[in-house]
Amino acid sequence: MSGVSFEDRVARTDEYLEAMQAIWSQEKPAYHGRFVSFEEVQAHPRPLQQPTPRIIIGGSSAPVLRRTLKAAPAR
């Protein structure tokens, strides 16, 4: 991520993913975090894939593996 400190990039990415999932799945999306905060937004149309679209994550670090496993659908 350009312009983002190395120390904050993992936390920022995790928060952005959580915020996107809130927008995609909540009737009246609201999210309050360290890097992004919103409420009373309208997000239409919603994705057909519920609760959220698949998110493809790539990389080779431990945080990427953790994020990938967290986002993986249960089988």
PDB file of N, CA and C in Angstrom:
ATOM      1  N   MET A   1       0.841  -1.175   0.000  1.00  0.00           N
ATOM      2  CA  MET A   1       0.000   0.000   0.000  1.00  0.00           C
ATOM      3  C   MET A   1       0.882   1.233   0.000  1.00  0.00           C
ATOM      4  N   SER A   2       0.707   2.047  -0.941  1.00  0.00           N
ATOM      5  CA  SER A   2       1.517   3.245  -1.079  1.00  0.00           C
ATOM      6  C   SER A   2       1.154   4.285  -0.023  1.00  0.00           C
ATOM      7  N   GLY A   3       2.165   4.841   0.612  1.00  0.00           N
ATOM      8  CA  GLY A   3       1.939   5.900   1.584  1.00  0.00           C
ATOM      9  C   GLY A   3       1.496   5.418   2.951  1.00  0.00           C
ATOM     10  N   VAL A   4       1.521   4.131   3.197  1.00  0.00           N
ATOM     11  CA  VAL A   4       1.097   3.582   4.481  1.00  0.00           C
ATOM     12  C   VAL A   4       2.330   3.062   5.198  1.00  0.00           C
ATOM     13  N   SER A   5       2.462   3.390   6.481  1.00  0.00           N
ATOM     14  CA  SER A   5       3.629   2.930   7.221  1.00  0.00           C
ATOM     15  C   SER A   5       3.641   1.403   7.259  1.00  0.00           C
ATOM     16  N   PHE A   6       4.831   0.854   7.259  1.00  0.00           N
ATOM     17  CA  PHE A   6       4.996  -0.594   7.286  1.00  0.00           C
ATOM     18  C   PHE A   6       4.333  -1.177   8.524  1.00  0.00           C
ATOM     19  N   GLU A   7       4.440  -0.482   9.648  1.00  0.00           N
ATOM     20  CA  GLU A   7       3.891  -0.978  10.912  1.00  0.00           C
ATOM     21  C   GLU A   7       2.365  -1.052  10.881  1.00  0.00           C
ATOM     22  N   ASP A   8       1.700  -0.188  10.135  1.00  0.00           N
ATOM     23  CA  ASP A   8       0.240  -0.122  10.117  1.00  0.00           C
ATOM     24  C   ASP A   8      -0.413  -0.910   8.987  1.00  0.00           C
ATOM     25  N   ARG A   9       0.353  -1.413   8.043  1.00  0.00           N
ATOM     26  CA  ARG A   9      -0.278  -1.966   6.845  1.00  0.00           C
ATOM     27  C   ARG A   9      -1.111  -3.213   7.109  1.00  0.00           C
ATOM     28  N   VAL A  10      -0.705  -4.077   8.017  1.00  0.00           N
ATOM     29  CA  VAL A  10      -1.496  -5.282   8.300  1.00  0.00           C
ATOM     30  C   VAL A  10      -2.810  -4.904   8.973  1.00  0.00           C
ATOM     31  N   ALA A  11      -2.724  -4.057   9.996  1.00  0.00           N
ATOM     32  CA  ALA A  11      -3.935  -3.623  10.704  1.00  0.00           C
ATOM     33  C   ALA A  11      -4.876  -2.871   9.772  1.00  0.00           C
ATOM     34  N   ARG A  12      -4.319  -2.035   8.913  1.00  0.00           N
ATOM     35  CA  ARG A  12      -5.138  -1.262   7.975  1.00  0.00           C
ATOM     36  C   ARG A  12      -5.838  -2.194   6.984  1.00  0.00           C
ATOM     37  N   THR A  13      -5.123  -3.170   6.456  1.00  0.00           N
ATOM     38  CA  THR A  13      -5.725  -4.107   5.514  1.00  0.00           C
ATOM     39  C   THR A  13      -6.846  -4.898   6.179  1.00  0.00           C
ATOM     40  N   ASP A  14      -6.596  -5.401   7.383  1.00  0.00           N
ATOM     41  CA  ASP A  14      -7.638  -6.139   8.105  1.00  0.00           C
ATOM     42  C   ASP A  14      -8.866  -5.263   8.318  1.00  0.00           C
ATOM     43  N   GLU A  15      -8.653  -4.011   8.697  1.00  0.00           N
ATOM     44  CA  GLU A  15      -9.778  -3.111   8.954  1.00  0.00           C
ATOM     45  C   GLU A  15     -10.541  -2.800   7.670  1.00  0.00           C
ATOM     46  N   TYR A  16      -9.835  -2.577   6.574  1.00  0.00           N
ATOM     47  CA  TYR A  16     -10.519  -2.323   5.297  1.00  0.00           C
ATOM     48  C   TYR A  16     -11.384  -3.515   4.898  1.00  0.00           C
ATOM     49  N   LEU A  17     -10.871  -4.728   5.096  1.00  0.00           N
ATOM     50  CA  LEU A  17     -11.665  -5.926   4.775  1.00  0.00           C
ATOM     51  C   LEU A  17     -12.916  -5.998   5.654  1.00  0.00           C
ATOM     52  N   GLU A  18     -12.785  -5.708   6.939  1.00  0.00           N
ATOM     53  CA  GLU A  18     -13.943  -5.713   7.837  1.00  0.00           C
ATOM     54  C   GLU A  18     -14.954  -4.653   7.422  1.00  0.00           C
ATOM     55  N   ALA A  19     -14.473  -3.474   7.043  1.00  0.00           N
ATOM     56  CA  ALA A  19     -15.372  -2.388   6.624  1.00  0.00           C
ATOM     57  C   ALA A  19     -16.113  -2.759   5.345  1.00  0.00           C
ATOM     58  N   MET A  20     -15.414  -3.369   4.384  1.00  0.00           N
ATOM     59  CA  MET A  20     -16.075  -3.794   3.144  1.00  0.00           C
ATOM     60  C   MET A  20     -17.139  -4.842   3.426  1.00  0.00           C
ATOM     61  N   GLN A  21     -16.851  -5.757   4.336  1.00  0.00           N
ATOM     62  CA  GLN A  21     -17.833  -6.787   4.675  1.00  0.00           C
ATOM     63  C   GLN A  21     -19.052  -6.163   5.346  1.00  0.00           C
ATOM     64  N   ALA A  22     -18.860  -5.133   6.146  1.00  0.00           N
ATOM     65  CA  ALA A  22     -19.995  -4.429   6.758  1.00  0.00           C
ATOM     66  C   ALA A  22     -20.850  -3.776   5.677  1.00  0.00           C
ATOM     67  N   ILE A  23     -20.218  -3.124   4.718  1.00  0.00           N
ATOM     68  CA  ILE A  23     -20.957  -2.468   3.632  1.00  0.00           C
ATOM     69  C   ILE A  23     -21.746  -3.497   2.824  1.00  0.00           C
ATOM     70  N   TRP A  24     -21.155  -4.637   2.584  1.00  0.00           N
ATOM     71  CA  TRP A  24     -21.797  -5.654   1.756  1.00  0.00           C
ATOM     72  C   TRP A  24     -22.910  -6.406   2.462  1.00  0.00           C
ATOM     73  N   SER A  25     -22.882  -6.478   3.794  1.00  0.00           N
ATOM     74  CA  SER A  25     -23.799  -7.386   4.483  1.00  0.00           C
ATOM     75  C   SER A  25     -24.815  -6.717   5.413  1.00  0.00           C
ATOM     76  N   GLN A  26     -24.630  -5.469   5.779  1.00  0.00           N
ATOM     77  CA  GLN A  26     -25.526  -4.824   6.742  1.00  0.00           C
ATOM     78  C   GLN A  26     -26.589  -3.987   6.038  1.00  0.00           C
ATOM     79  N   GLU A  27     -27.792  -3.996   6.600  1.00  0.00           N
ATOM     80  CA  GLU A  27     -28.888  -3.191   6.059  1.00  0.00           C
ATOM     81  C   GLU A  27     -28.550  -1.706   6.100  1.00  0.00           C
ATOM     82  N   LYS A  28     -28.033  -1.248   7.229  1.00  0.00           N
ATOM     83  CA  LYS A  28     -27.575   0.137   7.381  1.00  0.00           C
ATOM     84  C   LYS A  28     -26.117   0.075   7.817  1.00  0.00           C
ATOM     85  N   PRO A  29     -25.206   0.011   6.857  1.00  0.00           N
ATOM     86  CA  PRO A  29     -23.799  -0.223   7.190  1.00  0.00           C
ATOM     87  C   PRO A  29     -23.228   0.821   8.140  1.00  0.00           C
ATOM     88  N   ALA A  30     -22.502   0.310   9.126  1.00  0.00           N
ATOM     89  CA  ALA A  30     -21.772   1.156  10.067  1.00  0.00           C
ATOM     90  C   ALA A  30     -20.498   0.414  10.450  1.00  0.00           C
ATOM     91  N   TYR A  31     -19.426   1.174  10.544  1.00  0.00           N
ATOM     92  CA  TYR A  31     -18.153   0.601  10.959  1.00  0.00           C
ATOM     93  C   TYR A  31     -17.332   1.716  11.584  1.00  0.00           C
ATOM     94  N   HIS A  32     -16.701   1.412  12.710  1.00  0.00           N
ATOM     95  CA  HIS A  32     -15.855   2.401  13.382  1.00  0.00           C
ATOM     96  C   HIS A  32     -14.561   1.715  13.799  1.00  0.00           C
ATOM     97  N   GLY A  33     -13.499   2.136  13.156  1.00  0.00           N
ATOM     98  CA  GLY A  33     -12.190   1.561  13.446  1.00  0.00           C
ATOM     99  C   GLY A  33     -11.145   2.645  13.553  1.00  0.00           C
ATOM    100  N   ARG A  34      -9.922   2.234  13.616  1.00  0.00           N
ATOM    101  CA  ARG A  34      -8.802   3.166  13.739  1.00  0.00           C
ATOM    102  C   ARG A  34      -8.537   3.929  12.435  1.00  0.00           C
ATOM    103  N   PHE A  35      -8.729   3.259  11.286  1.00  0.00           N
ATOM    104  CA  PHE A  35      -8.370   3.846  10.003  1.00  0.00           C
ATOM    105  C   PHE A  35      -9.566   4.272   9.162  1.00  0.00           C
ATOM    106  N   VAL A  36     -10.717   3.696   9.415  1.00  0.00           N
ATOM    107  CA  VAL A  36     -11.914   4.021   8.645  1.00  0.00           C
ATOM    108  C   VAL A  36     -13.114   4.009   9.586  1.00  0.00           C
ATOM    109  N   SER A  37     -14.014   4.955   9.349  1.00  0.00           N
ATOM    110  CA  SER A  37     -15.202   5.050  10.192  1.00  0.00           C
ATOM    111  C   SER A  37     -16.348   5.606   9.354  1.00  0.00           C
ATOM    112  N   PHE A  38     -17.514   4.952   9.463  1.00  0.00           N
ATOM    113  CA  PHE A  38     -18.690   5.443   8.751  1.00  0.00           C
ATOM    114  C   PHE A  38     -19.944   4.900   9.404  1.00  0.00           C
ATOM    115  N   GLU A  39     -21.040   5.559   9.162  1.00  0.00           N
ATOM    116  CA  GLU A  39     -22.368   5.087   9.561  1.00  0.00           C
ATOM    117  C   GLU A  39     -23.392   5.795   8.706  1.00  0.00           C
ATOM    118  N   GLU A  40     -24.588   5.231   8.689  1.00  0.00           N
ATOM    119  CA  GLU A  40     -25.690   5.792   7.912  1.00  0.00           C
ATOM    120  C   GLU A  40     -25.329   5.991   6.445  1.00  0.00           C
ATOM    121  N   VAL A  41     -24.620   5.015   5.880  1.00  0.00           N
ATOM    122  CA  VAL A  41     -24.318   5.062   4.454  1.00  0.00           C
ATOM    123  C   VAL A  41     -25.296   4.165   3.709  1.00  0.00           C
ATOM    124  N   GLN A  42     -25.489   4.464   2.457  1.00  0.00           N
ATOM    125  CA  GLN A  42     -26.304   3.613   1.602  1.00  0.00           C
ATOM    126  C   GLN A  42     -25.359   2.938   0.619  1.00  0.00           C
ATOM    127  N   ALA A  43     -25.462   1.637   0.538  1.00  0.00           N
ATOM    128  CA  ALA A  43     -24.588   0.877  -0.345  1.00  0.00           C
ATOM    129  C   ALA A  43     -25.445  -0.060  -1.182  1.00  0.00           C
ATOM    130  N   HIS A  44     -25.738   0.379  -2.381  1.00  0.00           N
ATOM    131  CA  HIS A  44     -26.584  -0.413  -3.277  1.00  0.00           C
ATOM    132  C   HIS A  44     -25.980  -0.389  -4.666  1.00  0.00           C
ATOM    133  N   PRO A  45     -26.125  -1.417  -5.437  1.00  0.00           N
ATOM    134  CA  PRO A  45     -26.731  -2.700  -5.090  1.00  0.00           C
ATOM    135  C   PRO A  45     -25.777  -3.508  -4.225  1.00  0.00           C
ATOM    136  N   ARG A  46     -26.337  -4.402  -3.447  1.00  0.00           N
ATOM    137  CA  ARG A  46     -25.537  -5.308  -2.630  1.00  0.00           C
ATOM    138  C   ARG A  46     -25.106  -6.477  -3.504  1.00  0.00           C
ATOM    139  N   PRO A  47     -23.994  -7.090  -3.139  1.00  0.00           N
ATOM    140  CA  PRO A  47     -23.537  -8.251  -3.907  1.00  0.00           C
ATOM    141  C   PRO A  47     -24.549  -9.395  -3.840  1.00  0.00           C
ATOM    142  N   LEU A  48     -24.621 -10.167  -4.901  1.00  0.00           N
ATOM    143  CA  LEU A  48     -25.484 -11.348  -4.910  1.00  0.00           C
ATOM    144  C   LEU A  48     -24.930 -12.433  -3.996  1.00  0.00           C
ATOM    145  N   GLN A  49     -23.601 -12.499  -3.892  1.00  0.00           N
ATOM    146  CA  GLN A  49     -22.977 -13.504  -3.040  1.00  0.00           C
ATOM    147  C   GLN A  49     -23.170 -13.082  -1.584  1.00  0.00           C
ATOM    148  N   GLN A  50     -23.814 -13.939  -0.808  1.00  0.00           N
ATOM    149  CA  GLN A  50     -24.071 -13.611   0.593  1.00  0.00           C
ATOM    150  C   GLN A  50     -23.418 -14.629   1.503  1.00  0.00           C
ATOM    151  N   PRO A  51     -22.829 -14.189   2.612  1.00  0.00           N
ATOM    152  CA  PRO A  51     -22.976 -12.843   3.146  1.00  0.00           C
ATOM    153  C   PRO A  51     -22.083 -11.819   2.446  1.00  0.00           C
ATOM    154  N   THR A  52     -20.988 -12.264   1.810  1.00  0.00           N
ATOM    155  CA  THR A  52     -20.129 -11.337   1.070  1.00  0.00           C
ATOM    156  C   THR A  52     -19.529 -12.054  -0.128  1.00  0.00           C
ATOM    157  N   PRO A  53     -19.040 -11.295  -1.108  1.00  0.00           N
ATOM    158  CA  PRO A  53     -18.323 -11.931  -2.216  1.00  0.00           C
ATOM    159  C   PRO A  53     -17.029 -12.570  -1.707  1.00  0.00           C
ATOM    160  N   ARG A  54     -16.518 -13.516  -2.462  1.00  0.00           N
ATOM    161  CA  ARG A  54     -15.223 -14.101  -2.119  1.00  0.00           C
ATOM    162  C   ARG A  54     -14.155 -13.038  -2.236  1.00  0.00           C
ATOM    163  N   ILE A  55     -13.237 -13.062  -1.329  1.00  0.00           N
ATOM    164  CA  ILE A  55     -12.108 -12.133  -1.331  1.00  0.00           C
ATOM    165  C   ILE A  55     -10.856 -12.959  -1.564  1.00  0.00           C
ATOM    166  N   ILE A  56     -10.111 -12.622  -2.599  1.00  0.00           N
ATOM    167  CA  ILE A  56      -8.889 -13.353  -2.917  1.00  0.00           C
ATOM    168  C   ILE A  56      -7.715 -12.579  -2.346  1.00  0.00           C
ATOM    169  N   ILE A  57      -6.923 -13.268  -1.529  1.00  0.00           N
ATOM    170  CA  ILE A  57      -5.807 -12.645  -0.827  1.00  0.00           C
ATOM    171  C   ILE A  57      -4.537 -13.370  -1.236  1.00  0.00           C
ATOM    172  N   GLY A  58      -3.487 -12.604  -1.489  1.00  0.00           N
ATOM    173  CA  GLY A  58      -2.224 -13.218  -1.858  1.00  0.00           C
ATOM    174  C   GLY A  58      -1.081 -12.672  -1.024  1.00  0.00           C
ATOM    175  N   GLY A  59      -0.024 -13.428  -0.937  1.00  0.00           N
ATOM    176  CA  GLY A  59       1.153 -13.006  -0.199  1.00  0.00           C
ATOM    177  C   GLY A  59       1.826 -14.202   0.427  1.00  0.00           C
ATOM    178  N   SER A  60       2.901 -13.947   1.162  1.00  0.00           N
ATOM    179  CA  SER A  60       3.639 -15.066   1.746  1.00  0.00           C
ATOM    180  C   SER A  60       4.053 -14.830   3.192  1.00  0.00           C
ATOM    181  N   SER A  61       3.449 -13.858   3.853  1.00  0.00           N
ATOM    182  CA  SER A  61       3.792 -13.588   5.246  1.00  0.00           C
ATOM    183  C   SER A  61       2.792 -14.251   6.184  1.00  0.00           C
ATOM    184  N   ALA A  62       3.148 -14.332   7.452  1.00  0.00           N
ATOM    185  CA  ALA A  62       2.253 -14.921   8.456  1.00  0.00           C
ATOM    186  C   ALA A  62       0.925 -14.158   8.546  1.00  0.00           C
ATOM    187  N   PRO A  63       0.923 -12.800   8.530  1.00  0.00           N
ATOM    188  CA  PRO A  63      -0.364 -12.096   8.573  1.00  0.00           C
ATOM    189  C   PRO A  63      -1.258 -12.408   7.376  1.00  0.00           C
ATOM    190  N   VAL A  64      -0.661 -12.605   6.200  1.00  0.00           N
ATOM    191  CA  VAL A  64      -1.460 -12.943   5.015  1.00  0.00           C
ATOM    192  C   VAL A  64      -2.081 -14.328   5.189  1.00  0.00           C
ATOM    193  N   LEU A  65      -1.326 -15.277   5.687  1.00  0.00           N
ATOM    194  CA  LEU A  65      -1.872 -16.612   5.925  1.00  0.00           C
ATOM    195  C   LEU A  65      -3.009 -16.548   6.938  1.00  0.00           C
ATOM    196  N   ARG A  66      -2.826 -15.811   8.032  1.00  0.00           N
ATOM    197  CA  ARG A  66      -3.877 -15.668   9.038  1.00  0.00           C
ATOM    198  C   ARG A  66      -5.122 -15.061   8.437  1.00  0.00           C
ATOM    199  N   ARG A  67      -4.963 -13.991   7.648  1.00  0.00           N
ATOM    200  CA  ARG A  67      -6.092 -13.303   7.018  1.00  0.00           C
ATOM    201  C   ARG A  67      -6.801 -14.233   6.039  1.00  0.00           C
ATOM    202  N   THR A  68      -6.033 -15.017   5.289  1.00  0.00           N
ATOM    203  CA  THR A  68      -6.611 -15.940   4.321  1.00  0.00           C
ATOM    204  C   THR A  68      -7.448 -17.010   5.019  1.00  0.00           C
ATOM    205  N   LEU A  69      -6.933 -17.568   6.085  1.00  0.00           N
ATOM    206  CA  LEU A  69      -7.656 -18.601   6.814  1.00  0.00           C
ATOM    207  C   LEU A  69      -8.913 -18.026   7.467  1.00  0.00           C
ATOM    208  N   LYS A  70      -8.834 -16.814   7.946  1.00  0.00           N
ATOM    209  CA  LYS A  70     -10.000 -16.159   8.576  1.00  0.00           C
ATOM    210  C   LYS A  70     -11.096 -15.911   7.539  1.00  0.00           C
ATOM    211  N   ALA A  71     -10.719 -15.553   6.322  1.00  0.00           N
ATOM    212  CA  ALA A  71     -11.680 -15.221   5.284  1.00  0.00           C
ATOM    213  C   ALA A  71     -12.222 -16.445   4.560  1.00  0.00           C
ATOM    214  N   ALA A  72     -11.568 -17.588   4.735  1.00  0.00           N
ATOM    215  CA  ALA A  72     -11.989 -18.797   4.009  1.00  0.00           C
ATOM    216  C   ALA A  72     -13.351 -19.258   4.488  1.00  0.00           C
ATOM    217  N   PRO A  73     -14.226 -19.633   3.548  1.00  0.00           N
ATOM    218  CA  PRO A  73     -15.552 -20.147   3.954  1.00  0.00           C
ATOM    219  C   PRO A  73     -15.426 -21.497   4.618  1.00  0.00           C
ATOM    220  N   ALA A  74     -16.299 -21.754   5.566  1.00  0.00           N
ATOM    221  CA  ALA A  74     -16.338 -23.055   6.233  1.00  0.00           C
ATOM    222  C   ALA A  74     -16.828 -24.109   5.241  1.00  0.00           C
ATOM    223  N   ARG A  75     -16.281 -25.282   5.306  1.00  0.00           N
ATOM    224  CA  ARG A  75     -16.690 -26.376   4.401  1.00  0.00           C
ATOM    225  C   ARG A  75     -17.275 -27.498   5.184  1.00  0.00           C
TER     226      ARG A  75
END
